[in-house]
Amino acid sequence: GILLATTLKPTAGQVSMANSGGLWAGVLTTLFLGTVDGEDTKTLFGAQMASASAGIIAFSLLSRNLPVTRGRMLIIDAGGIIGGLMGASTTLLLAGNNDEDPILIGTGIGVMGGLALTAYLTRNFDARRLPPVAVTPTLMGRNGAGLAMGGQF
Protein backbone atom coordinates (compact mmCIF):
# COMPACT_ATOMS: atom_id res chain seq x y z
CA GLY A 1 0.00 0.00 0.00
CA ILE A 2 2.79 2.42 0.85
CA LEU A 3 4.54 1.67 -2.45
CA LEU A 4 1.31 2.32 -4.40
CA ALA A 5 0.59 5.52 -2.47
CA THR A 6 4.06 6.97 -3.04
CA THR A 7 4.20 5.87 -6.67
CA LEU A 8 0.68 6.78 -7.89
CA LYS A 9 -0.01 9.68 -5.48
CA PRO A 10 -3.82 9.25 -5.40
CA THR A 11 -6.06 12.15 -4.47
CA ALA A 12 -8.39 12.04 -1.48
CA GLY A 13 -11.33 11.48 -3.82
CA GLN A 14 -9.64 8.52 -5.50
CA VAL A 15 -8.88 6.89 -2.16
CA SER A 16 -12.45 7.51 -1.01
CA MET A 17 -13.85 6.00 -4.20
CA ALA A 18 -11.69 2.87 -3.83
CA ASN A 19 -12.72 2.49 -0.18
CA SER A 20 -16.40 2.88 -1.05
CA GLY A 21 -16.12 0.35 -3.86
CA GLY A 22 -14.68 -2.24 -1.51
CA LEU A 23 -17.16 -1.48 1.23
CA TRP A 24 -20.26 -1.69 -0.95
CA ALA A 25 -19.04 -4.79 -2.81
CA GLY A 26 -18.60 -6.55 0.54
CA VAL A 27 -21.96 -5.37 1.86
CA LEU A 28 -23.86 -6.44 -1.26
CA THR A 29 -22.13 -9.82 -1.30
CA THR A 30 -23.07 -10.39 2.33
CA LEU A 31 -26.69 -9.36 1.73
CA PHE A 32 -27.18 -11.59 -1.30
CA LEU A 33 -25.25 -14.59 0.07
CA GLY A 34 -27.23 -14.29 3.29
CA THR A 35 -30.20 -15.70 1.40
CA VAL A 36 -28.41 -18.99 0.65
CA ASP A 37 -29.36 -21.71 3.12
CA GLY A 38 -26.66 -23.97 4.52
CA GLU A 39 -23.81 -21.61 3.67
CA ASP A 40 -21.01 -21.97 6.21
CA THR A 41 -19.28 -18.99 7.77
CA LYS A 42 -15.91 -19.77 6.21
CA THR A 43 -17.30 -19.62 2.68
CA LEU A 44 -19.25 -16.44 3.42
CA PHE A 45 -16.18 -14.66 4.80
CA GLY A 46 -14.07 -15.84 1.86
CA ALA A 47 -16.60 -14.54 -0.66
CA GLN A 48 -16.93 -11.28 1.24
CA MET A 49 -13.16 -10.73 1.33
CA ALA A 50 -12.80 -11.58 -2.36
CA SER A 51 -15.62 -9.24 -3.40
CA ALA A 52 -14.34 -6.41 -1.21
CA SER A 53 -10.87 -6.76 -2.72
CA ALA A 54 -12.33 -6.84 -6.23
CA GLY A 55 -14.40 -3.73 -5.42
CA ILE A 56 -11.33 -1.86 -4.19
CA ILE A 57 -9.36 -2.77 -7.31
CA ALA A 58 -12.22 -2.01 -9.72
CA PHE A 59 -13.09 1.36 -8.19
CA SER A 60 -9.45 2.40 -7.86
CA LEU A 61 -9.06 1.79 -11.60
CA LEU A 62 -12.32 3.64 -12.28
CA SER A 63 -11.19 6.58 -10.16
CA ARG A 64 -8.19 7.12 -12.44
CA ASN A 65 -10.57 8.10 -15.30
CA LEU A 66 -13.49 9.53 -13.30
CA PRO A 67 -12.41 12.41 -11.07
CA VAL A 68 -14.43 12.64 -7.87
CA THR A 69 -14.05 14.46 -4.57
CA ARG A 70 -14.25 12.99 -1.12
CA GLY A 71 -17.38 15.05 -0.40
CA ARG A 72 -19.24 13.63 -3.39
CA MET A 73 -18.30 10.08 -2.40
CA LEU A 74 -19.62 10.75 1.10
CA ILE A 75 -22.95 11.86 -0.37
CA ILE A 76 -23.06 8.80 -2.65
CA ASP A 77 -22.38 6.54 0.34
CA ALA A 78 -25.20 8.24 2.24
CA GLY A 79 -27.47 7.56 -0.76
CA GLY A 80 -26.55 3.88 -0.53
CA ILE A 81 -27.43 3.78 3.16
CA ILE A 82 -30.76 5.54 2.62
CA GLY A 83 -31.52 3.29 -0.36
CA GLY A 84 -30.82 0.20 1.72
CA LEU A 85 -33.09 1.41 4.51
CA MET A 86 -35.85 2.23 2.03
CA GLY A 87 -35.47 -1.16 0.32
CA ALA A 88 -35.62 -3.03 3.63
CA SER A 89 -38.59 -1.09 4.96
CA THR A 90 -40.52 -1.32 1.69
CA THR A 91 -39.94 -5.06 1.48
CA LEU A 92 -40.93 -5.51 5.11
CA LEU A 93 -44.15 -3.54 4.60
CA LEU A 94 -45.07 -5.32 1.36
CA ALA A 95 -44.07 -8.85 2.43
CA GLY A 96 -45.89 -8.62 5.74
CA ASN A 97 -44.02 -11.55 7.28
CA ASN A 98 -40.71 -11.88 9.04
CA ASP A 99 -39.00 -13.95 6.35
CA GLU A 100 -35.52 -12.49 6.13
CA ASP A 101 -34.65 -13.50 2.55
CA PRO A 102 -36.93 -10.97 0.83
CA ILE A 103 -35.75 -8.29 3.25
CA LEU A 104 -32.10 -9.02 2.43
CA ILE A 105 -32.80 -8.94 -1.30
CA GLY A 106 -34.86 -5.75 -0.99
CA THR A 107 -32.09 -4.14 1.02
CA GLY A 108 -29.50 -5.08 -1.60
CA ILE A 109 -31.63 -3.73 -4.42
CA GLY A 110 -32.26 -0.56 -2.43
CA VAL A 111 -28.53 -0.10 -1.82
CA MET A 112 -27.74 -0.48 -5.52
CA GLY A 113 -30.55 1.87 -6.48
CA GLY A 114 -29.54 4.45 -3.89
CA LEU A 115 -25.91 4.39 -4.98
CA ALA A 116 -26.81 4.67 -8.67
CA LEU A 117 -29.40 7.41 -8.18
CA THR A 118 -27.17 9.48 -5.92
CA ALA A 119 -24.21 9.11 -8.29
CA TYR A 120 -26.42 10.34 -11.12
CA LEU A 121 -27.93 13.23 -9.15
CA THR A 122 -24.50 14.44 -8.01
CA ARG A 123 -22.88 14.18 -11.46
CA ASN A 124 -22.29 17.96 -11.53
CA PHE A 125 -21.40 18.20 -7.86
CA ASP A 126 -17.74 18.81 -8.64
CA ALA A 127 -18.42 21.29 -11.45
CA ARG A 128 -16.81 24.71 -11.51
CA ARG A 129 -18.33 26.93 -8.87
CA LEU A 130 -19.52 30.53 -8.96
CA PRO A 131 -17.16 33.15 -7.61
CA PRO A 132 -16.96 33.24 -3.80
CA VAL A 133 -18.94 36.50 -3.62
CA ALA A 134 -21.69 37.52 -6.03
CA VAL A 135 -23.74 40.72 -6.12
CA THR A 136 -27.07 40.64 -7.96
CA PRO A 137 -29.87 43.20 -8.38
CA THR A 138 -33.10 42.38 -6.55
CA LEU A 139 -36.60 43.76 -6.12
CA MET A 140 -37.47 44.62 -2.55
CA GLY A 141 -41.09 44.87 -1.61
CA ARG A 142 -43.58 46.86 -3.67
CA ASN A 143 -41.60 49.85 -4.81
CA GLY A 144 -37.96 49.34 -4.26
CA ALA A 145 -34.88 47.79 -5.72
CA GLY A 146 -31.58 46.90 -4.21
CA LEU A 147 -28.57 44.68 -4.34
CA ALA A 148 -28.18 41.29 -2.74
CA MET A 149 -24.83 39.83 -1.89
CA GLY A 150 -24.26 36.11 -1.55
CA GLY A 151 -21.17 34.16 -0.84
CA GLN A 152 -19.80 30.74 -0.22
CA PHE A 153 -17.23 29.48 2.20
C-alpha atoms as a PDB file:
ATOM      1  CA  GLY A   1       0.000   0.000   0.000  1.00  0.00           C
ATOM      2  CA  ILE A   2       2.795   2.419   0.854  1.00  0.00           C
ATOM      3  CA  LEU A   3       4.535   1.672  -2.448  1.00  0.00           C
ATOM      4  CA  LEU A   4       1.314   2.319  -4.399  1.00  0.00           C
ATOM      5  CA  ALA A   5       0.590   5.519  -2.472  1.00  0.00           C
ATOM      6  CA  THR A   6       4.062   6.969  -3.038  1.00  0.00           C
ATOM      7  CA  THR A   7       4.200   5.875  -6.672  1.00  0.00           C
ATOM      8  CA  LEU A   8       0.684   6.780  -7.892  1.00  0.00           C
ATOM      9  CA  LYS A   9      -0.009   9.679  -5.480  1.00  0.00           C
ATOM     10  CA  PRO A  10      -3.819   9.251  -5.404  1.00  0.00           C
ATOM     11  CA  THR A  11      -6.061  12.152  -4.466  1.00  0.00           C
ATOM     12  CA  ALA A  12      -8.389  12.037  -1.476  1.00  0.00           C
ATOM     13  CA  GLY A  13     -11.332  11.480  -3.818  1.00  0.00           C
ATOM     14  CA  GLN A  14      -9.638   8.517  -5.504  1.00  0.00           C
ATOM     15  CA  VAL A  15      -8.881   6.893  -2.158  1.00  0.00           C
ATOM     16  CA  SER A  16     -12.450   7.508  -1.011  1.00  0.00           C
ATOM     17  CA  MET A  17     -13.847   5.996  -4.199  1.00  0.00           C
ATOM     18  CA  ALA A  18     -11.687   2.870  -3.831  1.00  0.00           C
ATOM     19  CA  ASN A  19     -12.721   2.495  -0.178  1.00  0.00           C
ATOM     20  CA  SER A  20     -16.401   2.884  -1.051  1.00  0.00           C
ATOM     21  CA  GLY A  21     -16.122   0.345  -3.860  1.00  0.00           C
ATOM     22  CA  GLY A  22     -14.680  -2.241  -1.509  1.00  0.00           C
ATOM     23  CA  LEU A  23     -17.163  -1.482   1.234  1.00  0.00           C
ATOM     24  CA  TRP A  24     -20.258  -1.695  -0.954  1.00  0.00           C
ATOM     25  CA  ALA A  25     -19.044  -4.793  -2.808  1.00  0.00           C
ATOM     26  CA  GLY A  26     -18.599  -6.550   0.539  1.00  0.00           C
ATOM     27  CA  VAL A  27     -21.965  -5.371   1.864  1.00  0.00           C
ATOM     28  CA  LEU A  28     -23.857  -6.440  -1.261  1.00  0.00           C
ATOM     29  CA  THR A  29     -22.130  -9.821  -1.301  1.00  0.00           C
ATOM     30  CA  THR A  30     -23.073 -10.386   2.329  1.00  0.00           C
ATOM     31  CA  LEU A  31     -26.688  -9.361   1.727  1.00  0.00           C
ATOM     32  CA  PHE A  32     -27.183 -11.590  -1.302  1.00  0.00           C
ATOM     33  CA  LEU A  33     -25.254 -14.587   0.071  1.00  0.00           C
ATOM     34  CA  GLY A  34     -27.225 -14.292   3.295  1.00  0.00           C
ATOM     35  CA  THR A  35     -30.197 -15.703   1.395  1.00  0.00           C
ATOM     36  CA  VAL A  36     -28.408 -18.989   0.646  1.00  0.00           C
ATOM     37  CA  ASP A  37     -29.356 -21.712   3.120  1.00  0.00           C
ATOM     38  CA  GLY A  38     -26.660 -23.971   4.523  1.00  0.00           C
ATOM     39  CA  GLU A  39     -23.805 -21.613   3.670  1.00  0.00           C
ATOM     40  CA  ASP A  40     -21.011 -21.969   6.208  1.00  0.00           C
ATOM     41  CA  THR A  41     -19.279 -18.989   7.770  1.00  0.00           C
ATOM     42  CA  LYS A  42     -15.913 -19.774   6.210  1.00  0.00           C
ATOM     43  CA  THR A  43     -17.303 -19.622   2.676  1.00  0.00           C
ATOM     44  CA  LEU A  44     -19.254 -16.435   3.420  1.00  0.00           C
ATOM     45  CA  PHE A  45     -16.181 -14.660   4.797  1.00  0.00           C
ATOM     46  CA  GLY A  46     -14.066 -15.839   1.863  1.00  0.00           C
ATOM     47  CA  ALA A  47     -16.599 -14.540  -0.656  1.00  0.00           C
ATOM     48  CA  GLN A  48     -16.926 -11.278   1.245  1.00  0.00           C
ATOM     49  CA  MET A  49     -13.164 -10.727   1.331  1.00  0.00           C
ATOM     50  CA  ALA A  50     -12.800 -11.580  -2.365  1.00  0.00           C
ATOM     51  CA  SER A  51     -15.617  -9.245  -3.404  1.00  0.00           C
ATOM     52  CA  ALA A  52     -14.341  -6.410  -1.208  1.00  0.00           C
ATOM     53  CA  SER A  53     -10.867  -6.764  -2.721  1.00  0.00           C
ATOM     54  CA  ALA A  54     -12.329  -6.841  -6.231  1.00  0.00           C
ATOM     55  CA  GLY A  55     -14.396  -3.725  -5.421  1.00  0.00           C
ATOM     56  CA  ILE A  56     -11.326  -1.856  -4.188  1.00  0.00           C
ATOM     57  CA  ILE A  57      -9.358  -2.768  -7.308  1.00  0.00           C
ATOM     58  CA  ALA A  58     -12.220  -2.010  -9.718  1.00  0.00           C
ATOM     59  CA  PHE A  59     -13.086   1.356  -8.185  1.00  0.00           C
ATOM     60  CA  SER A  60      -9.452   2.399  -7.861  1.00  0.00           C
ATOM     61  CA  LEU A  61      -9.055   1.786 -11.603  1.00  0.00           C
ATOM     62  CA  LEU A  62     -12.318   3.643 -12.278  1.00  0.00           C
ATOM     63  CA  SER A  63     -11.190   6.582 -10.163  1.00  0.00           C
ATOM     64  CA  ARG A  64      -8.192   7.122 -12.443  1.00  0.00           C
ATOM     65  CA  ASN A  65     -10.568   8.103 -15.296  1.00  0.00           C
ATOM     66  CA  LEU A  66     -13.493   9.529 -13.300  1.00  0.00           C
ATOM     67  CA  PRO A  67     -12.410  12.405 -11.072  1.00  0.00           C
ATOM     68  CA  VAL A  68     -14.427  12.638  -7.865  1.00  0.00           C
ATOM     69  CA  THR A  69     -14.049  14.462  -4.567  1.00  0.00           C
ATOM     70  CA  ARG A  70     -14.245  12.988  -1.123  1.00  0.00           C
ATOM     71  CA  GLY A  71     -17.380  15.051  -0.397  1.00  0.00           C
ATOM     72  CA  ARG A  72     -19.235  13.633  -3.393  1.00  0.00           C
ATOM     73  CA  MET A  73     -18.301  10.084  -2.399  1.00  0.00           C
ATOM     74  CA  LEU A  74     -19.615  10.753   1.097  1.00  0.00           C
ATOM     75  CA  ILE A  75     -22.952  11.864  -0.369  1.00  0.00           C
ATOM     76  CA  ILE A  76     -23.057   8.800  -2.651  1.00  0.00           C
ATOM     77  CA  ASP A  77     -22.376   6.542   0.345  1.00  0.00           C
ATOM     78  CA  ALA A  78     -25.202   8.239   2.236  1.00  0.00           C
ATOM     79  CA  GLY A  79     -27.465   7.564  -0.758  1.00  0.00           C
ATOM     80  CA  GLY A  80     -26.551   3.875  -0.530  1.00  0.00           C
ATOM     81  CA  ILE A  81     -27.430   3.781   3.161  1.00  0.00           C
ATOM     82  CA  ILE A  82     -30.758   5.541   2.617  1.00  0.00           C
ATOM     83  CA  GLY A  83     -31.518   3.290  -0.364  1.00  0.00           C
ATOM     84  CA  GLY A  84     -30.820   0.197   1.723  1.00  0.00           C
ATOM     85  CA  LEU A  85     -33.086   1.410   4.507  1.00  0.00           C
ATOM     86  CA  MET A  86     -35.847   2.225   2.034  1.00  0.00           C
ATOM     87  CA  GLY A  87     -35.467  -1.157   0.320  1.00  0.00           C
ATOM     88  CA  ALA A  88     -35.616  -3.026   3.627  1.00  0.00           C
ATOM     89  CA  SER A  89     -38.588  -1.093   4.965  1.00  0.00           C
ATOM     90  CA  THR A  90     -40.521  -1.319   1.686  1.00  0.00           C
ATOM     91  CA  THR A  91     -39.938  -5.062   1.484  1.00  0.00           C
ATOM     92  CA  LEU A  92     -40.932  -5.511   5.110  1.00  0.00           C
ATOM     93  CA  LEU A  93     -44.149  -3.544   4.597  1.00  0.00           C
ATOM     94  CA  LEU A  94     -45.068  -5.324   1.359  1.00  0.00           C
ATOM     95  CA  ALA A  95     -44.075  -8.849   2.426  1.00  0.00           C
ATOM     96  CA  GLY A  96     -45.891  -8.621   5.744  1.00  0.00           C
ATOM     97  CA  ASN A  97     -44.022 -11.549   7.281  1.00  0.00           C
ATOM     98  CA  ASN A  98     -40.709 -11.879   9.035  1.00  0.00           C
ATOM     99  CA  ASP A  99     -39.001 -13.946   6.349  1.00  0.00           C
ATOM    100  CA  GLU A 100     -35.515 -12.493   6.132  1.00  0.00           C
ATOM    101  CA  ASP A 101     -34.646 -13.504   2.554  1.00  0.00           C
ATOM    102  CA  PRO A 102     -36.927 -10.973   0.830  1.00  0.00           C
ATOM    103  CA  ILE A 103     -35.753  -8.292   3.247  1.00  0.00           C
ATOM    104  CA  LEU A 104     -32.098  -9.024   2.432  1.00  0.00           C
ATOM    105  CA  ILE A 105     -32.800  -8.942  -1.299  1.00  0.00           C
ATOM    106  CA  GLY A 106     -34.859  -5.750  -0.989  1.00  0.00           C
ATOM    107  CA  THR A 107     -32.085  -4.139   1.025  1.00  0.00           C
ATOM    108  CA  GLY A 108     -29.501  -5.081  -1.597  1.00  0.00           C
ATOM    109  CA  ILE A 109     -31.633  -3.735  -4.423  1.00  0.00           C
ATOM    110  CA  GLY A 110     -32.257  -0.556  -2.430  1.00  0.00           C
ATOM    111  CA  VAL A 111     -28.528  -0.102  -1.821  1.00  0.00           C
ATOM    112  CA  MET A 112     -27.738  -0.480  -5.520  1.00  0.00           C
ATOM    113  CA  GLY A 113     -30.554   1.870  -6.483  1.00  0.00           C
ATOM    114  CA  GLY A 114     -29.541   4.451  -3.886  1.00  0.00           C
ATOM    115  CA  LEU A 115     -25.910   4.387  -4.981  1.00  0.00           C
ATOM    116  CA  ALA A 116     -26.815   4.672  -8.672  1.00  0.00           C
ATOM    117  CA  LEU A 117     -29.405   7.413  -8.176  1.00  0.00           C
ATOM    118  CA  THR A 118     -27.170   9.481  -5.919  1.00  0.00           C
ATOM    119  CA  ALA A 119     -24.209   9.108  -8.286  1.00  0.00           C
ATOM    120  CA  TYR A 120     -26.421  10.341 -11.123  1.00  0.00           C
ATOM    121  CA  LEU A 121     -27.925  13.229  -9.154  1.00  0.00           C
ATOM    122  CA  THR A 122     -24.505  14.442  -8.011  1.00  0.00           C
ATOM    123  CA  ARG A 123     -22.884  14.184 -11.457  1.00  0.00           C
ATOM    124  CA  ASN A 124     -22.290  17.965 -11.531  1.00  0.00           C
ATOM    125  CA  PHE A 125     -21.398  18.200  -7.857  1.00  0.00           C
ATOM    126  CA  ASP A 126     -17.737  18.814  -8.640  1.00  0.00           C
ATOM    127  CA  ALA A 127     -18.422  21.292 -11.451  1.00  0.00           C
ATOM    128  CA  ARG A 128     -16.809  24.708 -11.505  1.00  0.00           C
ATOM    129  CA  ARG A 129     -18.331  26.935  -8.871  1.00  0.00           C
ATOM    130  CA  LEU A 130     -19.519  30.527  -8.959  1.00  0.00           C
ATOM    131  CA  PRO A 131     -17.164  33.155  -7.614  1.00  0.00           C
ATOM    132  CA  PRO A 132     -16.957  33.236  -3.804  1.00  0.00           C
ATOM    133  CA  VAL A 133     -18.941  36.495  -3.619  1.00  0.00           C
ATOM    134  CA  ALA A 134     -21.686  37.517  -6.032  1.00  0.00           C
ATOM    135  CA  VAL A 135     -23.739  40.720  -6.125  1.00  0.00           C
ATOM    136  CA  THR A 136     -27.075  40.642  -7.956  1.00  0.00           C
ATOM    137  CA  PRO A 137     -29.871  43.203  -8.380  1.00  0.00           C
ATOM    138  CA  THR A 138     -33.104  42.378  -6.551  1.00  0.00           C
ATOM    139  CA  LEU A 139     -36.604  43.759  -6.118  1.00  0.00           C
ATOM    140  CA  MET A 140     -37.466  44.622  -2.547  1.00  0.00           C
ATOM    141  CA  GLY A 141     -41.094  44.870  -1.609  1.00  0.00           C
ATOM    142  CA  ARG A 142     -43.583  46.858  -3.671  1.00  0.00           C
ATOM    143  CA  ASN A 143     -41.599  49.854  -4.814  1.00  0.00           C
ATOM    144  CA  GLY A 144     -37.958  49.336  -4.261  1.00  0.00           C
ATOM    145  CA  ALA A 145     -34.882  47.794  -5.715  1.00  0.00           C
ATOM    146  CA  GLY A 146     -31.580  46.904  -4.212  1.00  0.00           C
ATOM    147  CA  LEU A 147     -28.574  44.675  -4.342  1.00  0.00           C
ATOM    148  CA  ALA A 148     -28.175  41.294  -2.742  1.00  0.00           C
ATOM    149  CA  MET A 149     -24.834  39.827  -1.885  1.00  0.00           C
ATOM    150  CA  GLY A 150     -24.263  36.114  -1.546  1.00  0.00           C
ATOM    151  CA  GLY A 151     -21.174  34.157  -0.841  1.00  0.00           C
ATOM    152  CA  GLN A 152     -19.804  30.744  -0.219  1.00  0.00           C
ATOM    153  CA  PHE A 153     -17.232  29.484   2.198  1.00  0.00           C
END
